[in-house]
Amino acid sequence: MKRPLSLERGRIVISTQGRDKGRAFLILDRIGEDTVTVADGLVHRLERPKKKKTKHLHVKPIMVNWDEIRPEGGLVQDSDLRRALEANGFTVKRSLCKEG
């Protein structure tokens, strides 16, 4: 029997419901038993992460090491999140108009 993947900081997830359906995110924090905060560095930035219910997320087996996102030190920035998602094969959808 397969064990379910854990919803911990640095796990890549795909939204299955809502306006952001199909968009890839990184989990930032776990709020409760069934809620997490996620960010993608573009629409949902680090200063205003999105709260999502775990039942509305498809968990990927890819885990990003949070300490290696910013190897030169300092605070993690939105560009670091975008770079981490793109490095793992998840494109960040950008449009010509400003989003958010």
PDB file of N, CA and C in Angstrom:
ATOM      1  N   MET A   1       0.842  -1.178   0.000  1.00  0.00           N
ATOM      2  CA  MET A   1       0.000   0.000   0.000  1.00  0.00           C
ATOM      3  C   MET A   1       0.887   1.241   0.000  1.00  0.00           C
ATOM      4  N   LYS A   2       0.525   2.200  -0.841  1.00  0.00           N
ATOM      5  CA  LYS A   2       1.316   3.421  -0.942  1.00  0.00           C
ATOM      6  C   LYS A   2       1.055   4.339   0.239  1.00  0.00           C
ATOM      7  N   ARG A   3       2.143   4.928   0.732  1.00  0.00           N
ATOM      8  CA  ARG A   3       2.012   5.916   1.800  1.00  0.00           C
ATOM      9  C   ARG A   3       1.740   7.273   1.188  1.00  0.00           C
ATOM     10  N   PRO A   4       0.833   8.066   1.734  1.00  0.00           N
ATOM     11  CA  PRO A   4       0.594   9.395   1.179  1.00  0.00           C
ATOM     12  C   PRO A   4       1.803  10.294   1.423  1.00  0.00           C
ATOM     13  N   LEU A   5       2.026  11.210   0.485  1.00  0.00           N
ATOM     14  CA  LEU A   5       3.146  12.142   0.606  1.00  0.00           C
ATOM     15  C   LEU A   5       2.840  13.189   1.662  1.00  0.00           C
ATOM     16  N   SER A   6       3.850  13.574   2.395  1.00  0.00           N
ATOM     17  CA  SER A   6       3.653  14.554   3.470  1.00  0.00           C
ATOM     18  C   SER A   6       3.559  15.965   2.902  1.00  0.00           C
ATOM     19  N   LEU A   7       2.789  16.785   3.567  1.00  0.00           N
ATOM     20  CA  LEU A   7       2.633  18.189   3.175  1.00  0.00           C
ATOM     21  C   LEU A   7       3.514  19.037   4.088  1.00  0.00           C
ATOM     22  N   GLU A   8       4.796  19.074   3.755  1.00  0.00           N
ATOM     23  CA  GLU A   8       5.734  19.826   4.572  1.00  0.00           C
ATOM     24  C   GLU A   8       6.351  20.950   3.756  1.00  0.00           C
ATOM     25  N   ARG A   9       7.057  21.814   4.432  1.00  0.00           N
ATOM     26  CA  ARG A   9       7.666  22.983   3.806  1.00  0.00           C
ATOM     27  C   ARG A   9       8.629  22.556   2.698  1.00  0.00           C
ATOM     28  N   GLY A  10       8.443  23.155   1.512  1.00  0.00           N
ATOM     29  CA  GLY A  10       9.295  22.856   0.376  1.00  0.00           C
ATOM     30  C   GLY A  10       8.709  21.865  -0.608  1.00  0.00           C
ATOM     31  N   ARG A  11       7.589  21.248  -0.292  1.00  0.00           N
ATOM     32  CA  ARG A  11       6.948  20.280  -1.191  1.00  0.00           C
ATOM     33  C   ARG A  11       6.268  21.042  -2.329  1.00  0.00           C
ATOM     34  N   ILE A  12       6.389  20.536  -3.543  1.00  0.00           N
ATOM     35  CA  ILE A  12       5.721  21.141  -4.699  1.00  0.00           C
ATOM     36  C   ILE A  12       4.335  20.521  -4.833  1.00  0.00           C
ATOM     37  N   VAL A  13       3.337  21.390  -5.016  1.00  0.00           N
ATOM     38  CA  VAL A  13       1.952  20.948  -5.175  1.00  0.00           C
ATOM     39  C   VAL A  13       1.334  21.650  -6.372  1.00  0.00           C
ATOM     40  N   ILE A  14       0.284  21.050  -6.913  1.00  0.00           N
ATOM     41  CA  ILE A  14      -0.486  21.627  -8.014  1.00  0.00           C
ATOM     42  C   ILE A  14      -1.899  21.874  -7.509  1.00  0.00           C
ATOM     43  N   SER A  15      -2.421  23.061  -7.758  1.00  0.00           N
ATOM     44  CA  SER A  15      -3.776  23.388  -7.349  1.00  0.00           C
ATOM     45  C   SER A  15      -4.770  22.674  -8.258  1.00  0.00           C
ATOM     46  N   THR A  16      -5.807  22.087  -7.658  1.00  0.00           N
ATOM     47  CA  THR A  16      -6.821  21.377  -8.443  1.00  0.00           C
ATOM     48  C   THR A  16      -8.155  22.110  -8.469  1.00  0.00           C
ATOM     49  N   GLN A  17      -8.306  23.151  -7.656  1.00  0.00           N
ATOM     50  CA  GLN A  17      -9.558  23.898  -7.585  1.00  0.00           C
ATOM     51  C   GLN A  17      -9.264  25.387  -7.510  1.00  0.00           C
ATOM     52  N   GLY A  18     -10.223  26.184  -7.968  1.00  0.00           N
ATOM     53  CA  GLY A  18     -10.132  27.627  -7.836  1.00  0.00           C
ATOM     54  C   GLY A  18      -9.567  28.303  -9.080  1.00  0.00           C
ATOM     55  N   ARG A  19      -9.344  29.606  -8.959  1.00  0.00           N
ATOM     56  CA  ARG A  19      -8.819  30.387 -10.078  1.00  0.00           C
ATOM     57  C   ARG A  19      -7.418  29.965 -10.473  1.00  0.00           C
ATOM     58  N   ASP A  20      -6.687  29.449  -9.519  1.00  0.00           N
ATOM     59  CA  ASP A  20      -5.308  29.059  -9.768  1.00  0.00           C
ATOM     60  C   ASP A  20      -5.176  27.582 -10.138  1.00  0.00           C
ATOM     61  N   LYS A  21      -6.246  26.980 -10.630  1.00  0.00           N
ATOM     62  CA  LYS A  21      -6.250  25.559 -10.995  1.00  0.00           C
ATOM     63  C   LYS A  21      -5.149  25.284 -12.023  1.00  0.00           C
ATOM     64  N   GLY A  22      -4.325  24.270 -11.739  1.00  0.00           N
ATOM     65  CA  GLY A  22      -3.251  23.901 -12.649  1.00  0.00           C
ATOM     66  C   GLY A  22      -1.933  24.599 -12.373  1.00  0.00           C
ATOM     67  N   ARG A  23      -1.901  25.528 -11.451  1.00  0.00           N
ATOM     68  CA  ARG A  23      -0.695  26.287 -11.140  1.00  0.00           C
ATOM     69  C   ARG A  23       0.132  25.561 -10.081  1.00  0.00           C
ATOM     70  N   ALA A  24       1.450  25.590 -10.257  1.00  0.00           N
ATOM     71  CA  ALA A  24       2.368  24.942  -9.312  1.00  0.00           C
ATOM     72  C   ALA A  24       2.738  25.909  -8.196  1.00  0.00           C
ATOM     73  N   PHE A  25       2.840  25.381  -6.979  1.00  0.00           N
ATOM     74  CA  PHE A  25       3.187  26.164  -5.800  1.00  0.00           C
ATOM     75  C   PHE A  25       4.197  25.408  -4.951  1.00  0.00           C
ATOM     76  N   LEU A  26       4.856  26.151  -4.071  1.00  0.00           N
ATOM     77  CA  LEU A  26       5.678  25.564  -3.013  1.00  0.00           C
ATOM     78  C   LEU A  26       4.955  25.763  -1.698  1.00  0.00           C
ATOM     79  N   ILE A  27       4.931  24.735  -0.874  1.00  0.00           N
ATOM     80  CA  ILE A  27       4.314  24.871   0.447  1.00  0.00           C
ATOM     81  C   ILE A  27       5.254  25.663   1.344  1.00  0.00           C
ATOM     82  N   LEU A  28       4.708  26.687   2.001  1.00  0.00           N
ATOM     83  CA  LEU A  28       5.493  27.505   2.921  1.00  0.00           C
ATOM     84  C   LEU A  28       5.313  27.079   4.362  1.00  0.00           C
ATOM     85  N   ASP A  29       4.069  26.795   4.742  1.00  0.00           N
ATOM     86  CA  ASP A  29       3.802  26.479   6.138  1.00  0.00           C
ATOM     87  C   ASP A  29       2.496  25.703   6.232  1.00  0.00           C
ATOM     88  N   ARG A  30       2.353  24.978   7.302  1.00  0.00           N
ATOM     89  CA  ARG A  30       1.118  24.249   7.570  1.00  0.00           C
ATOM     90  C   ARG A  30       0.358  25.006   8.650  1.00  0.00           C
ATOM     91  N   ILE A  31      -0.885  25.402   8.369  1.00  0.00           N
ATOM     92  CA  ILE A  31      -1.674  26.194   9.309  1.00  0.00           C
ATOM     93  C   ILE A  31      -2.442  25.293  10.270  1.00  0.00           C
ATOM     94  N   GLY A  32      -3.059  24.291   9.746  1.00  0.00           N
ATOM     95  CA  GLY A  32      -3.843  23.378  10.575  1.00  0.00           C
ATOM     96  C   GLY A  32      -3.776  21.985  10.002  1.00  0.00           C
ATOM     97  N   GLU A  33      -4.739  21.179  10.390  1.00  0.00           N
ATOM     98  CA  GLU A  33      -4.769  19.803   9.911  1.00  0.00           C
ATOM     99  C   GLU A  33      -5.035  19.725   8.414  1.00  0.00           C
ATOM    100  N   ASP A  34      -5.866  20.642   7.899  1.00  0.00           N
ATOM    101  CA  ASP A  34      -6.249  20.562   6.486  1.00  0.00           C
ATOM    102  C   ASP A  34      -5.999  21.844   5.707  1.00  0.00           C
ATOM    103  N   THR A  35      -5.111  22.717   6.176  1.00  0.00           N
ATOM    104  CA  THR A  35      -4.827  23.975   5.485  1.00  0.00           C
ATOM    105  C   THR A  35      -3.324  24.245   5.473  1.00  0.00           C
ATOM    106  N   VAL A  36      -2.837  24.728   4.312  1.00  0.00           N
ATOM    107  CA  VAL A  36      -1.434  25.113   4.174  1.00  0.00           C
ATOM    108  C   VAL A  36      -1.368  26.482   3.501  1.00  0.00           C
ATOM    109  N   THR A  37      -0.225  27.146   3.615  1.00  0.00           N
ATOM    110  CA  THR A  37       0.021  28.365   2.847  1.00  0.00           C
ATOM    111  C   THR A  37       0.991  28.020   1.736  1.00  0.00           C
ATOM    112  N   VAL A  38       0.701  28.543   0.540  1.00  0.00           N
ATOM    113  CA  VAL A  38       1.520  28.265  -0.633  1.00  0.00           C
ATOM    114  C   VAL A  38       1.862  29.569  -1.326  1.00  0.00           C
ATOM    115  N   ALA A  39       2.958  29.550  -2.097  1.00  0.00           N
ATOM    116  CA  ALA A  39       3.363  30.712  -2.885  1.00  0.00           C
ATOM    117  C   ALA A  39       4.060  30.214  -4.138  1.00  0.00           C
ATOM    118  N   ASP A  40       3.966  31.019  -5.200  1.00  0.00           N
ATOM    119  CA  ASP A  40       4.663  30.693  -6.441  1.00  0.00           C
ATOM    120  C   ASP A  40       5.663  31.770  -6.835  1.00  0.00           C
ATOM    121  N   GLY A  41       5.701  32.879  -6.108  1.00  0.00           N
ATOM    122  CA  GLY A  41       6.661  33.928  -6.399  1.00  0.00           C
ATOM    123  C   GLY A  41       6.219  34.891  -7.480  1.00  0.00           C
ATOM    124  N   LEU A  42       5.064  34.674  -8.061  1.00  0.00           N
ATOM    125  CA  LEU A  42       4.588  35.572  -9.116  1.00  0.00           C
ATOM    126  C   LEU A  42       3.237  36.164  -8.738  1.00  0.00           C
ATOM    127  N   VAL A  43       2.211  35.362  -8.727  1.00  0.00           N
ATOM    128  CA  VAL A  43       0.880  35.838  -8.358  1.00  0.00           C
ATOM    129  C   VAL A  43       0.730  35.841  -6.839  1.00  0.00           C
ATOM    130  N   HIS A  44       1.107  34.758  -6.219  1.00  0.00           N
ATOM    131  CA  HIS A  44       1.057  34.649  -4.760  1.00  0.00           C
ATOM    132  C   HIS A  44       2.489  34.722  -4.246  1.00  0.00           C
ATOM    133  N   ARG A  45       2.838  35.884  -3.744  1.00  0.00           N
ATOM    134  CA  ARG A  45       4.213  36.149  -3.313  1.00  0.00           C
ATOM    135  C   ARG A  45       4.405  35.783  -1.849  1.00  0.00           C
ATOM    136  N   LEU A  46       5.640  35.867  -1.406  1.00  0.00           N
ATOM    137  CA  LEU A  46       5.971  35.481  -0.031  1.00  0.00           C
ATOM    138  C   LEU A  46       5.299  36.365   1.009  1.00  0.00           C
ATOM    139  N   GLU A  47       5.123  37.656   0.712  1.00  0.00           N
ATOM    140  CA  GLU A  47       4.510  38.540   1.704  1.00  0.00           C
ATOM    141  C   GLU A  47       2.999  38.357   1.817  1.00  0.00           C
ATOM    142  N   ARG A  48       2.361  37.765   0.799  1.00  0.00           N
ATOM    143  CA  ARG A  48       0.930  37.477   0.846  1.00  0.00           C
ATOM    144  C   ARG A  48       0.672  36.088   0.270  1.00  0.00           C
ATOM    145  N   PRO A  49       1.036  35.035   1.003  1.00  0.00           N
ATOM    146  CA  PRO A  49       0.827  33.680   0.475  1.00  0.00           C
ATOM    147  C   PRO A  49      -0.650  33.320   0.429  1.00  0.00           C
ATOM    148  N   LYS A  50      -0.956  32.324  -0.371  1.00  0.00           N
ATOM    149  CA  LYS A  50      -2.326  31.840  -0.545  1.00  0.00           C
ATOM    150  C   LYS A  50      -2.593  30.709   0.442  1.00  0.00           C
ATOM    151  N   LYS A  51      -3.749  30.768   1.102  1.00  0.00           N
ATOM    152  CA  LYS A  51      -4.175  29.664   1.960  1.00  0.00           C
ATOM    153  C   LYS A  51      -4.979  28.697   1.102  1.00  0.00           C
ATOM    154  N   LYS A  52      -4.601  27.418   1.147  1.00  0.00           N
ATOM    155  CA  LYS A  52      -5.317  26.404   0.378  1.00  0.00           C
ATOM    156  C   LYS A  52      -5.630  25.219   1.270  1.00  0.00           C
ATOM    157  N   LYS A  53      -6.801  24.633   1.051  1.00  0.00           N
ATOM    158  CA  LYS A  53      -7.138  23.390   1.730  1.00  0.00           C
ATOM    159  C   LYS A  53      -6.370  22.255   1.053  1.00  0.00           C
ATOM    160  N   THR A  54      -5.939  21.322   1.854  1.00  0.00           N
ATOM    161  CA  THR A  54      -5.122  20.241   1.318  1.00  0.00           C
ATOM    162  C   THR A  54      -5.893  19.352   0.355  1.00  0.00           C
ATOM    163  N   LYS A  55      -7.200  19.288   0.489  1.00  0.00           N
ATOM    164  CA  LYS A  55      -7.986  18.464  -0.432  1.00  0.00           C
ATOM    165  C   LYS A  55      -8.052  19.085  -1.825  1.00  0.00           C
ATOM    166  N   HIS A  56      -7.658  20.347  -1.965  1.00  0.00           N
ATOM    167  CA  HIS A  56      -7.642  21.028  -3.258  1.00  0.00           C
ATOM    168  C   HIS A  56      -6.253  21.065  -3.869  1.00  0.00           C
ATOM    169  N   LEU A  57      -5.359  20.221  -3.392  1.00  0.00           N
ATOM    170  CA  LEU A  57      -3.981  20.188  -3.886  1.00  0.00           C
ATOM    171  C   LEU A  57      -3.615  18.782  -4.330  1.00  0.00           C
ATOM    172  N   HIS A  58      -2.866  18.708  -5.424  1.00  0.00           N
ATOM    173  CA  HIS A  58      -2.280  17.452  -5.876  1.00  0.00           C
ATOM    174  C   HIS A  58      -0.803  17.492  -5.493  1.00  0.00           C
ATOM    175  N   VAL A  59      -0.403  16.607  -4.611  1.00  0.00           N
ATOM    176  CA  VAL A  59       0.949  16.619  -4.071  1.00  0.00           C
ATOM    177  C   VAL A  59       1.891  15.899  -5.030  1.00  0.00           C
ATOM    178  N   LYS A  60       2.992  16.558  -5.371  1.00  0.00           N
ATOM    179  CA  LYS A  60       4.020  15.976  -6.225  1.00  0.00           C
ATOM    180  C   LYS A  60       5.103  15.343  -5.366  1.00  0.00           C
ATOM    181  N   PRO A  61       5.782  14.332  -5.865  1.00  0.00           N
ATOM    182  CA  PRO A  61       6.827  13.684  -5.066  1.00  0.00           C
ATOM    183  C   PRO A  61       8.126  14.479  -5.009  1.00  0.00           C
ATOM    184  N   ILE A  62       8.127  15.687  -5.517  1.00  0.00           N
ATOM    185  CA  ILE A  62       9.338  16.513  -5.557  1.00  0.00           C
ATOM    186  C   ILE A  62       9.391  17.395  -4.322  1.00  0.00           C
ATOM    187  N   MET A  63      10.532  17.343  -3.659  1.00  0.00           N
ATOM    188  CA  MET A  63      10.756  18.131  -2.454  1.00  0.00           C
ATOM    189  C   MET A  63      11.926  19.072  -2.713  1.00  0.00           C
ATOM    190  N   VAL A  64      11.736  20.362  -2.470  1.00  0.00           N
ATOM    191  CA  VAL A  64      12.795  21.357  -2.631  1.00  0.00           C
ATOM    192  C   VAL A  64      13.405  21.605  -1.263  1.00  0.00           C
ATOM    193  N   ASN A  65      14.721  21.470  -1.173  1.00  0.00           N
ATOM    194  CA  ASN A  65      15.413  21.716   0.089  1.00  0.00           C
ATOM    195  C   ASN A  65      15.390  23.221   0.351  1.00  0.00           C
ATOM    196  N   TRP A  66      14.717  23.628   1.401  1.00  0.00           N
ATOM    197  CA  TRP A  66      14.509  25.046   1.689  1.00  0.00           C
ATOM    198  C   TRP A  66      15.834  25.768   1.937  1.00  0.00           C
ATOM    199  N   ASP A  67      16.826  25.072   2.492  1.00  0.00           N
ATOM    200  CA  ASP A  67      18.116  25.695   2.772  1.00  0.00           C
ATOM    201  C   ASP A  67      18.931  25.927   1.507  1.00  0.00           C
ATOM    202  N   GLU A  68      18.644  25.177   0.445  1.00  0.00           N
ATOM    203  CA  GLU A  68      19.393  25.319  -0.804  1.00  0.00           C
ATOM    204  C   GLU A  68      18.717  26.242  -1.808  1.00  0.00           C
ATOM    205  N   ILE A  69      17.560  26.795  -1.479  1.00  0.00           N
ATOM    206  CA  ILE A  69      16.885  27.715  -2.392  1.00  0.00           C
ATOM    207  C   ILE A  69      17.737  28.972  -2.561  1.00  0.00           C
ATOM    208  N   ARG A  70      18.311  29.431  -1.481  1.00  0.00           N
ATOM    209  CA  ARG A  70      19.156  30.632  -1.505  1.00  0.00           C
ATOM    210  C   ARG A  70      20.535  30.246  -0.957  1.00  0.00           C
ATOM    211  N   PRO A  71      21.400  29.637  -1.794  1.00  0.00           N
ATOM    212  CA  PRO A  71      22.675  29.123  -1.287  1.00  0.00           C
ATOM    213  C   PRO A  71      23.646  30.212  -0.832  1.00  0.00           C
ATOM    214  N   GLU A  72      23.534  31.418  -1.368  1.00  0.00           N
ATOM    215  CA  GLU A  72      24.452  32.479  -0.980  1.00  0.00           C
ATOM    216  C   GLU A  72      24.082  33.128   0.348  1.00  0.00           C
ATOM    217  N   GLY A  73      22.992  32.700   0.930  1.00  0.00           N
ATOM    218  CA  GLY A  73      22.551  33.229   2.225  1.00  0.00           C
ATOM    219  C   GLY A  73      21.556  34.354   2.057  1.00  0.00           C
ATOM    220  N   GLY A  74      21.032  34.837   3.151  1.00  0.00           N
ATOM    221  CA  GLY A  74      20.045  35.913   3.114  1.00  0.00           C
ATOM    222  C   GLY A  74      18.632  35.376   3.093  1.00  0.00           C
ATOM    223  N   LEU A  75      17.694  36.287   2.959  1.00  0.00           N
ATOM    224  CA  LEU A  75      16.282  35.921   2.949  1.00  0.00           C
ATOM    225  C   LEU A  75      15.880  35.350   1.590  1.00  0.00           C
ATOM    226  N   VAL A  76      14.974  34.398   1.611  1.00  0.00           N
ATOM    227  CA  VAL A  76      14.434  33.827   0.378  1.00  0.00           C
ATOM    228  C   VAL A  76      13.533  34.869  -0.274  1.00  0.00           C
ATOM    229  N   GLN A  77      13.682  35.028  -1.574  1.00  0.00           N
ATOM    230  CA  GLN A  77      12.901  36.012  -2.324  1.00  0.00           C
ATOM    231  C   GLN A  77      11.968  35.302  -3.297  1.00  0.00           C
ATOM    232  N   ASP A  78      11.047  36.079  -3.869  1.00  0.00           N
ATOM    233  CA  ASP A  78      10.091  35.522  -4.825  1.00  0.00           C
ATOM    234  C   ASP A  78      10.791  34.937  -6.048  1.00  0.00           C
ATOM    235  N   SER A  79      11.860  35.567  -6.496  1.00  0.00           N
ATOM    236  CA  SER A  79      12.598  35.051  -7.653  1.00  0.00           C
ATOM    237  C   SER A  79      13.214  33.685  -7.350  1.00  0.00           C
ATOM    238  N   ASP A  80      13.571  33.449  -6.100  1.00  0.00           N
ATOM    239  CA  ASP A  80      14.112  32.141  -5.709  1.00  0.00           C
ATOM    240  C   ASP A  80      13.040  31.057  -5.813  1.00  0.00           C
ATOM    241  N   LEU A  81      11.807  31.396  -5.445  1.00  0.00           N
ATOM    242  CA  LEU A  81      10.702  30.435  -5.581  1.00  0.00           C
ATOM    243  C   LEU A  81      10.448  30.103  -7.044  1.00  0.00           C
ATOM    244  N   ARG A  82      10.410  31.132  -7.890  1.00  0.00           N
ATOM    245  CA  ARG A  82      10.191  30.908  -9.324  1.00  0.00           C
ATOM    246  C   ARG A  82      11.303  30.051  -9.911  1.00  0.00           C
ATOM    247  N   ARG A  83      12.534  30.335  -9.533  1.00  0.00           N
ATOM    248  CA  ARG A  83      13.682  29.579 -10.032  1.00  0.00           C
ATOM    249  C   ARG A  83      13.614  28.114  -9.579  1.00  0.00           C
ATOM    250  N   ALA A  84      13.204  27.874  -8.342  1.00  0.00           N
ATOM    251  CA  ALA A  84      13.102  26.510  -7.824  1.00  0.00           C
ATOM    252  C   ALA A  84      12.010  25.733  -8.558  1.00  0.00           C
ATOM    253  N   LEU A  85      10.885  26.376  -8.843  1.00  0.00           N
ATOM    254  CA  LEU A  85       9.809  25.709  -9.581  1.00  0.00           C
ATOM    255  C   LEU A  85      10.237  25.407 -11.014  1.00  0.00           C
ATOM    256  N   GLU A  86      10.891  26.360 -11.662  1.00  0.00           N
ATOM    257  CA  GLU A  86      11.323  26.155 -13.043  1.00  0.00           C
ATOM    258  C   GLU A  86      12.426  25.104 -13.133  1.00  0.00           C
ATOM    259  N   ALA A  87      13.283  25.025 -12.134  1.00  0.00           N
ATOM    260  CA  ALA A  87      14.361  24.035 -12.133  1.00  0.00           C
ATOM    261  C   ALA A  87      13.813  22.614 -12.026  1.00  0.00           C
ATOM    262  N   ASN A  88      12.630  22.461 -11.459  1.00  0.00           N
ATOM    263  CA  ASN A  88      12.006  21.148 -11.320  1.00  0.00           C
ATOM    264  C   ASN A  88      10.984  20.863 -12.410  1.00  0.00           C
ATOM    265  N   GLY A  89      10.962  21.678 -13.461  1.00  0.00           N
ATOM    266  CA  GLY A  89      10.118  21.415 -14.614  1.00  0.00           C
ATOM    267  C   GLY A  89       8.732  22.013 -14.571  1.00  0.00           C
ATOM    268  N   PHE A  90       8.456  22.911 -13.640  1.00  0.00           N
ATOM    269  CA  PHE A  90       7.146  23.546 -13.551  1.00  0.00           C
ATOM    270  C   PHE A  90       7.275  24.983 -14.026  1.00  0.00           C
ATOM    271  N   THR A  91       6.650  25.291 -15.157  1.00  0.00           N
ATOM    272  CA  THR A  91       6.753  26.631 -15.698  1.00  0.00           C
ATOM    273  C   THR A  91       5.842  27.569 -14.930  1.00  0.00           C
ATOM    274  N   VAL A  92       6.340  28.765 -14.711  1.00  0.00           N
ATOM    275  CA  VAL A  92       5.550  29.796 -14.055  1.00  0.00           C
ATOM    276  C   VAL A  92       4.919  30.620 -15.162  1.00  0.00           C
ATOM    277  N   LYS A  93       3.578  30.566 -15.217  1.00  0.00           N
ATOM    278  CA  LYS A  93       2.852  31.249 -16.293  1.00  0.00           C
ATOM    279  C   LYS A  93       2.893  32.758 -16.073  1.00  0.00           C
ATOM    280  N   ARG A  94       3.487  33.459 -16.999  1.00  0.00           N
ATOM    281  CA  ARG A  94       3.555  34.919 -16.919  1.00  0.00           C
ATOM    282  C   ARG A  94       2.741  35.497 -18.062  1.00  0.00           C
ATOM    283  N   SER A  95       2.112  36.615 -17.811  1.00  0.00           N
ATOM    284  CA  SER A  95       1.373  37.284 -18.876  1.00  0.00           C
ATOM    285  C   SER A  95       1.965  38.669 -19.085  1.00  0.00           C
ATOM    286  N   LEU A  96       1.517  39.335 -20.132  1.00  0.00           N
ATOM    287  CA  LEU A  96       2.038  40.668 -20.424  1.00  0.00           C
ATOM    288  C   LEU A  96       1.472  41.714 -19.492  1.00  0.00           C
ATOM    289  N   CYS A  97       0.285  41.488 -18.973  1.00  0.00           N
ATOM    290  CA  CYS A  97      -0.295  42.440 -18.034  1.00  0.00           C
ATOM    291  C   CYS A  97       0.080  42.050 -16.616  1.00  0.00           C
ATOM    292  N   LYS A  98       0.025  43.029 -15.717  1.00  0.00           N
ATOM    293  CA  LYS A  98       0.388  42.777 -14.339  1.00  0.00           C
ATOM    294  C   LYS A  98      -0.704  41.963 -13.664  1.00  0.00           C
ATOM    295  N   GLU A  99      -0.317  40.877 -12.981  1.00  0.00           N
ATOM    296  CA  GLU A  99      -1.269  40.037 -12.277  1.00  0.00           C
ATOM    297  C   GLU A  99      -1.249  40.366 -10.808  1.00  0.00           C
ATOM    298  N   GLY A 100      -2.324  40.015 -10.136  1.00  0.00           N
ATOM    299  CA  GLY A 100      -2.355  40.127  -8.685  1.00  0.00           C
ATOM    300  C   GLY A 100      -2.815  41.407  -8.254  1.00  0.00           C
TER     301      GLY A 100
END
